[in-house]
C-alpha atoms as a PDB file:
ATOM      1  CA  UNK A   1      62.060 -24.573 -11.055  1.00  0.00           C
ATOM      2  CA  UNK A   2      65.643 -25.894 -11.018  1.00  0.00           C
ATOM      3  CA  UNK A   3      67.209 -24.937  -7.663  1.00  0.00           C
ATOM      4  CA  UNK A   4      69.690 -22.850  -9.578  1.00  0.00           C
ATOM      5  CA  UNK A   5      68.024 -19.215  -7.518  1.00  0.00           C
ATOM      6  CA  UNK A   6      69.713 -18.962  -4.567  1.00  0.00           C
ATOM      7  CA  UNK A   7      72.084 -16.700  -2.854  1.00  0.00           C
ATOM      8  CA  UNK A   8      75.360 -16.290  -2.685  1.00  0.00           C
ATOM      9  CA  UNK A   9      76.358 -17.018   0.856  1.00  0.00           C
ATOM     10  CA  UNK A  10      80.247 -15.573   1.403  1.00  0.00           C
ATOM     11  CA  UNK A  11      78.472 -11.548   0.936  1.00  0.00           C
ATOM     12  CA  UNK A  12      75.727 -12.585   2.875  1.00  0.00           C
ATOM     13  CA  UNK A  13      75.565 -10.884   6.507  1.00  0.00           C
ATOM     14  CA  UNK A  14      75.325 -13.392   9.610  1.00  0.00           C
ATOM     15  CA  UNK A  15      71.837 -11.425  10.072  1.00  0.00           C
ATOM     16  CA  UNK A  16      71.190 -12.064   6.328  1.00  0.00           C
ATOM     17  CA  UNK A  17      71.879 -15.507   6.437  1.00  0.00           C
ATOM     18  CA  UNK A  18      70.553 -16.515   9.916  1.00  0.00           C
ATOM     19  CA  UNK A  19      67.120 -14.669   8.326  1.00  0.00           C
ATOM     20  CA  UNK A  20      67.468 -16.870   4.842  1.00  0.00           C
ATOM     21  CA  UNK A  21      67.461 -20.194   7.022  1.00  0.00           C
ATOM     22  CA  UNK A  22      64.274 -19.189   8.795  1.00  0.00           C
ATOM     23  CA  UNK A  23      62.822 -18.556   5.990  1.00  0.00           C
ATOM     24  CA  UNK A  24      63.568 -22.039   4.681  1.00  0.00           C
ATOM     25  CA  UNK A  25      62.625 -23.760   7.431  1.00  0.00           C
ATOM     26  CA  UNK A  26      59.177 -21.907   7.592  1.00  0.00           C
ATOM     27  CA  UNK A  27      58.272 -22.963   4.052  1.00  0.00           C
ATOM     28  CA  UNK A  28      59.539 -26.255   5.101  1.00  0.00           C
ATOM     29  CA  UNK A  29      57.013 -26.315   7.626  1.00  0.00           C
ATOM     30  CA  UNK A  30      54.256 -24.653   5.343  1.00  0.00           C
ATOM     31  CA  UNK A  31      54.391 -27.774   2.645  1.00  0.00           C
ATOM     32  CA  UNK A  32      53.958 -29.872   5.834  1.00  0.00           C
ATOM     33  CA  UNK A  33      51.013 -28.387   7.052  1.00  0.00           C
ATOM     34  CA  UNK A  34      49.178 -27.906   4.243  1.00  0.00           C
ATOM     35  CA  UNK A  35      50.101 -30.750   2.223  1.00  0.00           C
ATOM     36  CA  UNK A  36      51.352 -33.571   4.180  1.00  0.00           C
ATOM     37  CA  UNK A  37      54.732 -34.291   6.154  1.00  0.00           C
ATOM     38  CA  UNK A  38      56.042 -35.689   2.705  1.00  0.00           C
ATOM     39  CA  UNK A  39      55.776 -32.470   1.249  1.00  0.00           C
ATOM     40  CA  UNK A  40      59.201 -31.198   2.920  1.00  0.00           C
ATOM     41  CA  UNK A  41      61.359 -33.316   0.520  1.00  0.00           C
ATOM     42  CA  UNK A  42      59.902 -31.006  -2.219  1.00  0.00           C
ATOM     43  CA  UNK A  43      61.310 -27.508  -0.864  1.00  0.00           C
ATOM     44  CA  UNK A  44      63.507 -26.141  -3.037  1.00  0.00           C
ATOM     45  CA  UNK A  45      65.453 -22.557  -3.166  1.00  0.00           C
ATOM     46  CA  UNK A  46      63.376 -21.618  -6.036  1.00  0.00           C
ATOM     47  CA  UNK A  47      60.670 -21.074  -3.736  1.00  0.00           C
ATOM     48  CA  UNK A  48      62.414 -19.478  -0.566  1.00  0.00           C
ATOM     49  CA  UNK A  49      63.361 -16.656  -3.381  1.00  0.00           C
ATOM     50  CA  UNK A  50      59.594 -16.419  -4.379  1.00  0.00           C
ATOM     51  CA  UNK A  51      58.880 -16.240  -0.154  1.00  0.00           C
ATOM     52  CA  UNK A  52      60.883 -13.527   0.534  1.00  0.00           C
ATOM     53  CA  UNK A  53      60.358 -11.345  -2.570  1.00  0.00           C
ATOM     54  CA  UNK A  54      56.563 -11.777  -1.784  1.00  0.00           C
ATOM     55  CA  UNK A  55      56.538 -11.292   1.903  1.00  0.00           C
ATOM     56  CA  UNK A  56      55.310  -8.163   3.011  1.00  0.00           C
ATOM     57  CA  UNK A  57      54.789  -7.107   7.101  1.00  0.00           C
ATOM     58  CA  UNK A  58      57.018  -7.212  10.075  1.00  0.00           C
ATOM     59  CA  UNK A  59      59.658  -9.935  10.824  1.00  0.00           C
ATOM     60  CA  UNK A  60      59.236 -12.911  13.558  1.00  0.00           C
ATOM     61  CA  UNK A  61      60.440 -16.415  14.305  1.00  0.00           C
ATOM     62  CA  UNK A  62      58.894 -18.811  16.471  1.00  0.00           C
ATOM     63  CA  UNK A  63      61.782 -22.420  17.660  1.00  0.00           C
ATOM     64  CA  UNK A  64      59.832 -25.449  16.537  1.00  0.00           C
ATOM     65  CA  UNK A  65      61.376 -29.104  16.777  1.00  0.00           C
ATOM     66  CA  UNK A  66      61.084 -31.403  13.341  1.00  0.00           C
ATOM     67  CA  UNK A  67      61.512 -34.441  11.581  1.00  0.00           C
ATOM     68  CA  UNK A  68      64.915 -33.254  11.189  1.00  0.00           C
ATOM     69  CA  UNK A  69      66.045 -31.798  14.091  1.00  0.00           C
ATOM     70  CA  UNK A  70      63.900 -33.408  17.377  1.00  0.00           C
ATOM     71  CA  UNK A  71      66.067 -32.384  19.414  1.00  0.00           C
ATOM     72  CA  UNK A  72      66.988 -29.091  19.050  1.00  0.00           C
ATOM     73  CA  UNK A  73      64.341 -27.038  16.980  1.00  0.00           C
ATOM     74  CA  UNK A  74      65.014 -24.611  14.245  1.00  0.00           C
ATOM     75  CA  UNK A  75      64.096 -21.148  14.200  1.00  0.00           C
ATOM     76  CA  UNK A  76      61.078 -20.866  11.240  1.00  0.00           C
ATOM     77  CA  UNK A  77      59.434 -17.211  10.480  1.00  0.00           C
ATOM     78  CA  UNK A  78      56.008 -17.341  11.773  1.00  0.00           C
ATOM     79  CA  UNK A  79      52.697 -17.241   9.536  1.00  0.00           C
ATOM     80  CA  UNK A  80      52.361 -15.065   6.823  1.00  0.00           C
ATOM     81  CA  UNK A  81      50.140 -14.884   3.203  1.00  0.00           C
ATOM     82  CA  UNK A  82      53.670 -14.520   1.564  1.00  0.00           C
ATOM     83  CA  UNK A  83      54.387 -18.197   3.307  1.00  0.00           C
ATOM     84  CA  UNK A  84      51.445 -20.000   2.065  1.00  0.00           C
ATOM     85  CA  UNK A  85      51.341 -18.473  -1.386  1.00  0.00           C
ATOM     86  CA  UNK A  86      54.806 -19.366  -1.564  1.00  0.00           C
ATOM     87  CA  UNK A  87      53.995 -23.563  -0.650  1.00  0.00           C
ATOM     88  CA  UNK A  88      51.087 -23.711  -2.772  1.00  0.00           C
ATOM     89  CA  UNK A  89      52.767 -22.565  -5.974  1.00  0.00           C
ATOM     90  CA  UNK A  90      55.786 -24.674  -5.576  1.00  0.00           C
ATOM     91  CA  UNK A  91      53.628 -27.954  -5.117  1.00  0.00           C
ATOM     92  CA  UNK A  92      51.281 -26.781  -8.422  1.00  0.00           C
ATOM     93  CA  UNK A  93      55.173 -26.164  -9.949  1.00  0.00           C
ATOM     94  CA  UNK A  94      55.827 -29.484  -9.166  1.00  0.00           C
ATOM     95  CA  UNK A  95      53.111 -31.035 -10.082  1.00  0.00           C
ATOM     96  CA  UNK A  96      53.656 -29.186 -13.960  1.00  0.00           C
ATOM     97  CA  UNK A  97      57.132 -30.157 -13.356  1.00  0.00           C
ATOM     98  CA  UNK A  98      56.298 -33.873 -12.797  1.00  0.00           C
ATOM     99  CA  UNK A  99      54.023 -33.837 -15.653  1.00  0.00           C
ATOM    100  CA  UNK A 100      56.542 -33.134 -18.321  1.00  0.00           C
ATOM    101  CA  UNK A 101      59.311 -34.641 -17.065  1.00  0.00           C
ATOM    102  CA  UNK A 102      56.844 -38.109 -17.603  1.00  0.00           C
ATOM    103  CA  UNK A 103      58.066 -37.617 -21.496  1.00  0.00           C
ATOM    104  CA  UNK A 104      61.775 -37.774 -20.394  1.00  0.00           C
ATOM    105  CA  UNK A 105      62.810 -41.414 -21.237  1.00  0.00           C
ATOM    106  CA  UNK A 106      65.789 -41.224 -18.578  1.00  0.00           C
ATOM    107  CA  UNK A 107      63.355 -40.198 -15.351  1.00  0.00           C
ATOM    108  CA  UNK A 108      59.949 -41.351 -16.168  1.00  0.00           C
ATOM    109  CA  UNK A 109      59.166 -44.422 -14.081  1.00  0.00           C
ATOM    110  CA  UNK A 110      60.094 -42.034 -10.930  1.00  0.00           C
ATOM    111  CA  UNK A 111      58.543 -39.488 -12.214  1.00  0.00           C
ATOM    112  CA  UNK A 112      55.123 -41.709 -13.025  1.00  0.00           C
ATOM    113  CA  UNK A 113      55.417 -42.591  -9.284  1.00  0.00           C
ATOM    114  CA  UNK A 114      55.834 -39.184  -7.397  1.00  0.00           C
ATOM    115  CA  UNK A 115      52.717 -38.124  -9.466  1.00  0.00           C
ATOM    116  CA  UNK A 116      51.139 -40.913  -8.169  1.00  0.00           C
ATOM    117  CA  UNK A 117      52.443 -40.249  -4.845  1.00  0.00           C
ATOM    118  CA  UNK A 118      51.472 -36.378  -4.458  1.00  0.00           C
ATOM    119  CA  UNK A 119      48.408 -36.722  -6.350  1.00  0.00           C
ATOM    120  CA  UNK A 120      46.121 -35.285  -3.772  1.00  0.00           C
ATOM    121  CA  UNK A 121      48.672 -32.743  -2.686  1.00  0.00           C
ATOM    122  CA  UNK A 122      48.948 -31.487  -6.603  1.00  0.00           C
ATOM    123  CA  UNK A 123      44.979 -31.355  -7.183  1.00  0.00           C
ATOM    124  CA  UNK A 124      44.676 -29.506  -3.244  1.00  0.00           C
ATOM    125  CA  UNK A 125      47.431 -26.906  -4.768  1.00  0.00           C
ATOM    126  CA  UNK A 126      45.475 -26.481  -8.252  1.00  0.00           C
ATOM    127  CA  UNK A 127      42.258 -25.630  -5.961  1.00  0.00           C
ATOM    128  CA  UNK A 128      43.349 -23.010  -3.884  1.00  0.00           C
ATOM    129  CA  UNK A 129      45.351 -21.128  -7.167  1.00  0.00           C
ATOM    130  CA  UNK A 130      42.808 -21.874  -9.835  1.00  0.00           C
ATOM    131  CA  UNK A 131      43.889 -18.986 -11.769  1.00  0.00           C
ATOM    132  CA  UNK A 132      47.705 -19.824 -11.488  1.00  0.00           C
ATOM    133  CA  UNK A 133      47.139 -23.539 -12.288  1.00  0.00           C
ATOM    134  CA  UNK A 134      45.215 -22.536 -15.720  1.00  0.00           C
ATOM    135  CA  UNK A 135      48.106 -20.202 -16.923  1.00  0.00           C
ATOM    136  CA  UNK A 136      50.302 -23.235 -15.878  1.00  0.00           C
ATOM    137  CA  UNK A 137      48.317 -25.937 -17.576  1.00  0.00           C
ATOM    138  CA  UNK A 138      48.713 -23.021 -20.496  1.00  0.00           C
ATOM    139  CA  UNK A 139      51.924 -22.552 -21.295  1.00  0.00           C
ATOM    140  CA  UNK A 140      53.089 -26.471 -20.411  1.00  0.00           C
ATOM    141  CA  UNK A 141      51.095 -26.932 -23.490  1.00  0.00           C
ATOM    142  CA  UNK A 142      53.363 -24.758 -25.608  1.00  0.00           C
ATOM    143  CA  UNK A 143      56.110 -25.447 -24.338  1.00  0.00           C
ATOM    144  CA  UNK A 144      55.263 -29.532 -24.737  1.00  0.00           C
ATOM    145  CA  UNK A 145      53.974 -28.552 -28.805  1.00  0.00           C
ATOM    146  CA  UNK A 146      57.794 -26.954 -28.962  1.00  0.00           C
ATOM    147  CA  UNK A 147      59.304 -29.725 -27.569  1.00  0.00           C
ATOM    148  CA  UNK A 148      57.331 -31.423 -30.056  1.00  0.00           C
ATOM    149  CA  UNK A 149      58.470 -30.637 -33.462  1.00  0.00           C
ATOM    150  CA  UNK A 150      55.805 -28.204 -33.037  1.00  0.00           C
ATOM    151  CA  UNK A 151      58.478 -24.868 -33.682  1.00  0.00           C
ATOM    152  CA  UNK A 152      61.729 -25.243 -35.975  1.00  0.00           C
ATOM    153  CA  UNK A 153      63.530 -22.785 -33.669  1.00  0.00           C
ATOM    154  CA  UNK A 154      63.512 -21.826 -29.819  1.00  0.00           C
ATOM    155  CA  UNK A 155      62.905 -18.133 -30.044  1.00  0.00           C
ATOM    156  CA  UNK A 156      65.390 -17.323 -27.182  1.00  0.00           C
ATOM    157  CA  UNK A 157      65.698 -13.865 -27.910  1.00  0.00           C
ATOM    158  CA  UNK A 158      61.891 -13.489 -26.989  1.00  0.00           C
ATOM    159  CA  UNK A 159      61.694  -9.563 -25.947  1.00  0.00           C
ATOM    160  CA  UNK A 160      58.632  -8.899 -23.553  1.00  0.00           C
ATOM    161  CA  UNK A 161      56.797  -5.384 -25.602  1.00  0.00           C
ATOM    162  CA  UNK A 162      57.133  -1.982 -23.403  1.00  0.00           C
ATOM    163  CA  UNK A 163      53.693  -1.493 -23.112  1.00  0.00           C
ATOM    164  CA  UNK A 164      52.587  -4.383 -21.386  1.00  0.00           C
ATOM    165  CA  UNK A 165      56.133  -4.378 -19.153  1.00  0.00           C
ATOM    166  CA  UNK A 166      55.587  -6.329 -16.267  1.00  0.00           C
ATOM    167  CA  UNK A 167      52.412  -8.507 -17.597  1.00  0.00           C
ATOM    168  CA  UNK A 168      54.599 -10.897 -19.827  1.00  0.00           C
ATOM    169  CA  UNK A 169      50.689 -12.320 -20.804  1.00  0.00           C
ATOM    170  CA  UNK A 170      50.657 -11.757 -24.137  1.00  0.00           C
ATOM    171  CA  UNK A 171      51.792 -15.062 -25.778  1.00  0.00           C
ATOM    172  CA  UNK A 172      55.173 -17.002 -25.567  1.00  0.00           C
ATOM    173  CA  UNK A 173      56.147 -15.684 -29.234  1.00  0.00           C
ATOM    174  CA  UNK A 174      57.633 -20.090 -29.680  1.00  0.00           C
ATOM    175  CA  UNK A 175      60.008 -20.270 -27.070  1.00  0.00           C
ATOM    176  CA  UNK A 176      60.592 -21.946 -24.221  1.00  0.00           C
ATOM    177  CA  UNK A 177      62.688 -19.722 -21.869  1.00  0.00           C
ATOM    178  CA  UNK A 178      59.087 -16.958 -22.697  1.00  0.00           C
ATOM    179  CA  UNK A 179      56.943 -20.093 -22.477  1.00  0.00           C
ATOM    180  CA  UNK A 180      57.879 -20.350 -18.599  1.00  0.00           C
ATOM    181  CA  UNK A 181      59.059 -17.072 -18.272  1.00  0.00           C
ATOM    182  CA  UNK A 182      55.488 -16.080 -18.421  1.00  0.00           C
ATOM    183  CA  UNK A 183      54.418 -18.946 -16.499  1.00  0.00           C
ATOM    184  CA  UNK A 184      56.825 -17.697 -13.457  1.00  0.00           C
ATOM    185  CA  UNK A 185      55.184 -14.408 -14.286  1.00  0.00           C
ATOM    186  CA  UNK A 186      51.352 -15.592 -13.166  1.00  0.00           C
ATOM    187  CA  UNK A 187      52.479 -15.653  -9.850  1.00  0.00           C
ATOM    188  CA  UNK A 188      52.953 -11.953  -9.432  1.00  0.00           C
ATOM    189  CA  UNK A 189      48.675 -11.469  -9.139  1.00  0.00           C
ATOM    190  CA  UNK A 190      50.193 -12.548  -5.434  1.00  0.00           C
ATOM    191  CA  UNK A 191      50.597  -8.559  -5.673  1.00  0.00           C
ATOM    192  CA  UNK A 192      47.080  -6.512  -5.396  1.00  0.00           C
ATOM    193  CA  UNK A 193      49.494  -3.239  -6.332  1.00  0.00           C
ATOM    194  CA  UNK A 194      49.310  -2.584  -9.857  1.00  0.00           C
ATOM    195  CA  UNK A 195      52.711  -0.972 -10.091  1.00  0.00           C
ATOM    196  CA  UNK A 196      53.851  -4.322  -7.935  1.00  0.00           C
ATOM    197  CA  UNK A 197      52.287  -6.673  -9.559  1.00  0.00           C
ATOM    198  CA  UNK A 198      53.519  -5.492 -13.258  1.00  0.00           C
ATOM    199  CA  UNK A 199      57.578  -5.219 -11.815  1.00  0.00           C
ATOM    200  CA  UNK A 200      57.105  -8.262 -10.294  1.00  0.00           C
ATOM    201  CA  UNK A 201      55.923 -10.050 -13.294  1.00  0.00           C
ATOM    202  CA  UNK A 202      58.898  -8.778 -15.506  1.00  0.00           C
ATOM    203  CA  UNK A 203      61.291  -9.958 -12.400  1.00  0.00           C
ATOM    204  CA  UNK A 204      59.606 -13.555 -13.002  1.00  0.00           C
ATOM    205  CA  UNK A 205      58.925 -13.394 -16.211  1.00  0.00           C
ATOM    206  CA  UNK A 206      62.969 -12.803 -16.564  1.00  0.00           C
ATOM    207  CA  UNK A 207      64.137 -14.896 -14.342  1.00  0.00           C
ATOM    208  CA  UNK A 208      62.246 -17.715 -15.771  1.00  0.00           C
ATOM    209  CA  UNK A 209      63.961 -17.282 -19.245  1.00  0.00           C
ATOM    210  CA  UNK A 210      67.059 -17.165 -17.038  1.00  0.00           C
ATOM    211  CA  UNK A 211      66.342 -20.390 -15.559  1.00  0.00           C
ATOM    212  CA  UNK A 212      65.472 -22.143 -18.914  1.00  0.00           C
ATOM    213  CA  UNK A 213      68.304 -20.897 -20.337  1.00  0.00           C
ATOM    214  CA  UNK A 214      70.717 -22.296 -17.791  1.00  0.00           C
ATOM    215  CA  UNK A 215      69.241 -25.593 -17.776  1.00  0.00           C
ATOM    216  CA  UNK A 216      69.278 -26.067 -21.041  1.00  0.00           C
ATOM    217  CA  UNK A 217      73.264 -24.829 -21.243  1.00  0.00           C
ATOM    218  CA  UNK A 218      74.148 -27.393 -18.436  1.00  0.00           C
ATOM    219  CA  UNK A 219      72.090 -29.938 -20.140  1.00  0.00           C
ATOM    220  CA  UNK A 220      73.161 -29.576 -23.946  1.00  0.00           C
ATOM    221  CA  UNK A 221      75.726 -32.129 -23.783  1.00  0.00           C
ATOM    222  CA  UNK A 222      73.653 -35.025 -21.949  1.00  0.00           C
ATOM    223  CA  UNK A 223      70.450 -33.998 -24.361  1.00  0.00           C
ATOM    224  CA  UNK A 224      72.496 -33.866 -27.716  1.00  0.00           C
ATOM    225  CA  UNK A 225      73.801 -37.563 -26.605  1.00  0.00           C
ATOM    226  CA  UNK A 226      70.654 -38.758 -26.223  1.00  0.00           C
ATOM    227  CA  UNK A 227      68.538 -37.011 -29.007  1.00  0.00           C
ATOM    228  CA  UNK A 228      66.418 -35.116 -26.218  1.00  0.00           C
ATOM    229  CA  UNK A 229      65.051 -31.591 -26.862  1.00  0.00           C
ATOM    230  CA  UNK A 230      67.283 -28.714 -25.582  1.00  0.00           C
ATOM    231  CA  UNK A 231      66.390 -25.126 -26.578  1.00  0.00           C
ATOM    232  CA  UNK A 232      70.210 -23.693 -26.743  1.00  0.00           C
ATOM    233  CA  UNK A 233      70.744 -26.405 -29.061  1.00  0.00           C
ATOM    234  CA  UNK A 234      67.457 -25.925 -30.995  1.00  0.00           C
ATOM    235  CA  UNK A 235      67.753 -21.952 -31.100  1.00  0.00           C
ATOM    236  CA  UNK A 236      71.887 -22.672 -33.084  1.00  0.00           C
ATOM    237  CA  UNK A 237      72.941 -20.236 -31.071  1.00  0.00           C
ATOM    238  CA  UNK A 238      77.233 -20.016 -29.565  1.00  0.00           C
ATOM    239  CA  UNK A 239      77.687 -21.021 -26.014  1.00  0.00           C
ATOM    240  CA  UNK A 240      79.172 -17.657 -25.659  1.00  0.00           C
ATOM    241  CA  UNK A 241      76.227 -16.179 -26.959  1.00  0.00           C
ATOM    242  CA  UNK A 242      74.248 -17.925 -24.787  1.00  0.00           C
ATOM    243  CA  UNK A 243      75.882 -16.756 -22.123  1.00  0.00           C
ATOM    244  CA  UNK A 244      75.440 -13.107 -23.367  1.00  0.00           C
ATOM    245  CA  UNK A 245      71.864 -14.132 -23.183  1.00  0.00           C
ATOM    246  CA  UNK A 246      71.824 -15.429 -19.039  1.00  0.00           C
ATOM    247  CA  UNK A 247      73.289 -11.498 -18.507  1.00  0.00           C
ATOM    248  CA  UNK A 248      70.914  -9.724 -20.271  1.00  0.00           C
ATOM    249  CA  UNK A 249      68.081 -11.542 -18.274  1.00  0.00           C
ATOM    250  CA  UNK A 250      70.177 -10.970 -15.183  1.00  0.00           C
ATOM    251  CA  UNK A 251      69.893  -7.121 -15.520  1.00  0.00           C
ATOM    252  CA  UNK A 252      66.349  -7.309 -16.509  1.00  0.00           C
ATOM    253  CA  UNK A 253      65.485  -8.991 -13.523  1.00  0.00           C
ATOM    254  CA  UNK A 254      67.220  -6.625 -11.286  1.00  0.00           C
ATOM    255  CA  UNK A 255      65.877  -3.569 -13.040  1.00  0.00           C
ATOM    256  CA  UNK A 256      62.540  -4.888 -12.498  1.00  0.00           C
ATOM    257  CA  UNK A 257      63.259  -5.666  -8.960  1.00  0.00           C
ATOM    258  CA  UNK A 258      64.420  -2.267  -8.286  1.00  0.00           C
ATOM    259  CA  UNK A 259      60.367  -1.207  -8.576  1.00  0.00           C
ATOM    260  CA  UNK A 260      59.188  -3.267  -5.732  1.00  0.00           C
ATOM    261  CA  UNK A 261      58.585  -2.247  -2.884  1.00  0.00           C
ATOM    262  CA  UNK A 262      61.657  -3.079   0.285  1.00  0.00           C
ATOM    263  CA  UNK A 263      60.876  -6.008   2.596  1.00  0.00           C
ATOM    264  CA  UNK A 264      63.061  -7.641   5.757  1.00  0.00           C
ATOM    265  CA  UNK A 265      64.321 -10.178   3.299  1.00  0.00           C
ATOM    266  CA  UNK A 266      65.366  -7.466   0.336  1.00  0.00           C
ATOM    267  CA  UNK A 267      69.133  -7.314   0.857  1.00  0.00           C
ATOM    268  CA  UNK A 268      68.714 -11.645   0.404  1.00  0.00           C
ATOM    269  CA  UNK A 269      66.704 -11.150  -2.747  1.00  0.00           C
ATOM    270  CA  UNK A 270      69.667  -8.651  -4.135  1.00  0.00           C
ATOM    271  CA  UNK A 271      72.236 -10.947  -3.616  1.00  0.00           C
ATOM    272  CA  UNK A 272      70.262 -13.604  -5.266  1.00  0.00           C
ATOM    273  CA  UNK A 273      70.163 -11.553  -8.143  1.00  0.00           C
ATOM    274  CA  UNK A 274      73.352 -10.284  -8.744  1.00  0.00           C
ATOM    275  CA  UNK A 275      75.712 -12.578  -6.903  1.00  0.00           C
ATOM    276  CA  UNK A 276      74.003 -15.794  -6.298  1.00  0.00           C
ATOM    277  CA  UNK A 277      73.141 -15.807 -10.321  1.00  0.00           C
ATOM    278  CA  UNK A 278      76.387 -14.603 -11.231  1.00  0.00           C
ATOM    279  CA  UNK A 279      78.252 -17.196  -9.573  1.00  0.00           C
ATOM    280  CA  UNK A 280      75.728 -19.780 -11.117  1.00  0.00           C
ATOM    281  CA  UNK A 281      76.183 -18.184 -14.518  1.00  0.00           C
ATOM    282  CA  UNK A 282      80.081 -19.086 -13.979  1.00  0.00           C
ATOM    283  CA  UNK A 283      80.302 -22.334 -13.059  1.00  0.00           C
ATOM    284  CA  UNK A 284      78.129 -22.922 -16.008  1.00  0.00           C
ATOM    285  CA  UNK A 285      80.186 -21.106 -18.085  1.00  0.00           C
ATOM    286  CA  UNK A 286      83.233 -23.038 -16.914  1.00  0.00           C
ATOM    287  CA  UNK A 287      81.752 -25.962 -16.931  1.00  0.00           C
ATOM    288  CA  UNK A 288      81.380 -25.750 -20.539  1.00  0.00           C
ATOM    289  CA  UNK A 289      85.107 -25.662 -21.076  1.00  0.00           C
ATOM    290  CA  UNK A 290      85.858 -29.017 -19.813  1.00  0.00           C
END
């Protein structure tokens, strides 16, 4: 993902801010333990959100030192299945993101270096999440065909069929937002309950669409100058229409989140889906006015 999914900190309670920091540090530690010390460099806000969304059971912390804080330890969340799953998913998605970025002439050399440097970690992540790895590969293939000219326009206005609510698995319907949304929705398989899985799939599908639209809106001018593919430009939509779409995807993600059982992080995840996404959208809109 792209680092857009973060909380609106001024509206977080002190307790929630502390919990968010423990989740961030816990994911950083899990990456180090499962993929080596340098994997810590890849931790990002998006997968901290996924960790909190998937969390179940009691909340506990332990104070530990790390490379960044060698003298005064930081509190980190204790072991939980969601913690390892989020670390594996982060590594898997980072690998596919880098493979896609290799096609970008501006960043190809650096991305090739990272792919080579982390190749063992990416392979282990795919082995630990084989179903998700297969789905990611299929969806990335669709994205590459679209970006390579396989579609005339980008289908930004895709809908999830009501009969498959939350699954988002029947096809990308030609648009990169749908393809990435479906790619992210496959992570809903972490849930064992069918209802929770469908609700999480819907949330992640619309969140993935939001992230793709936001990234394309932010890069529209730069991609226009470089000639790179841009989903918003390919759609032919005006700026105001794109930001209305962002609002719609946010509303649908929030509606789906109401169907997922609450946990200790629910206040933070709701802050992200309401104020966090809204604040980021407003920043992008003001940036486009300049």
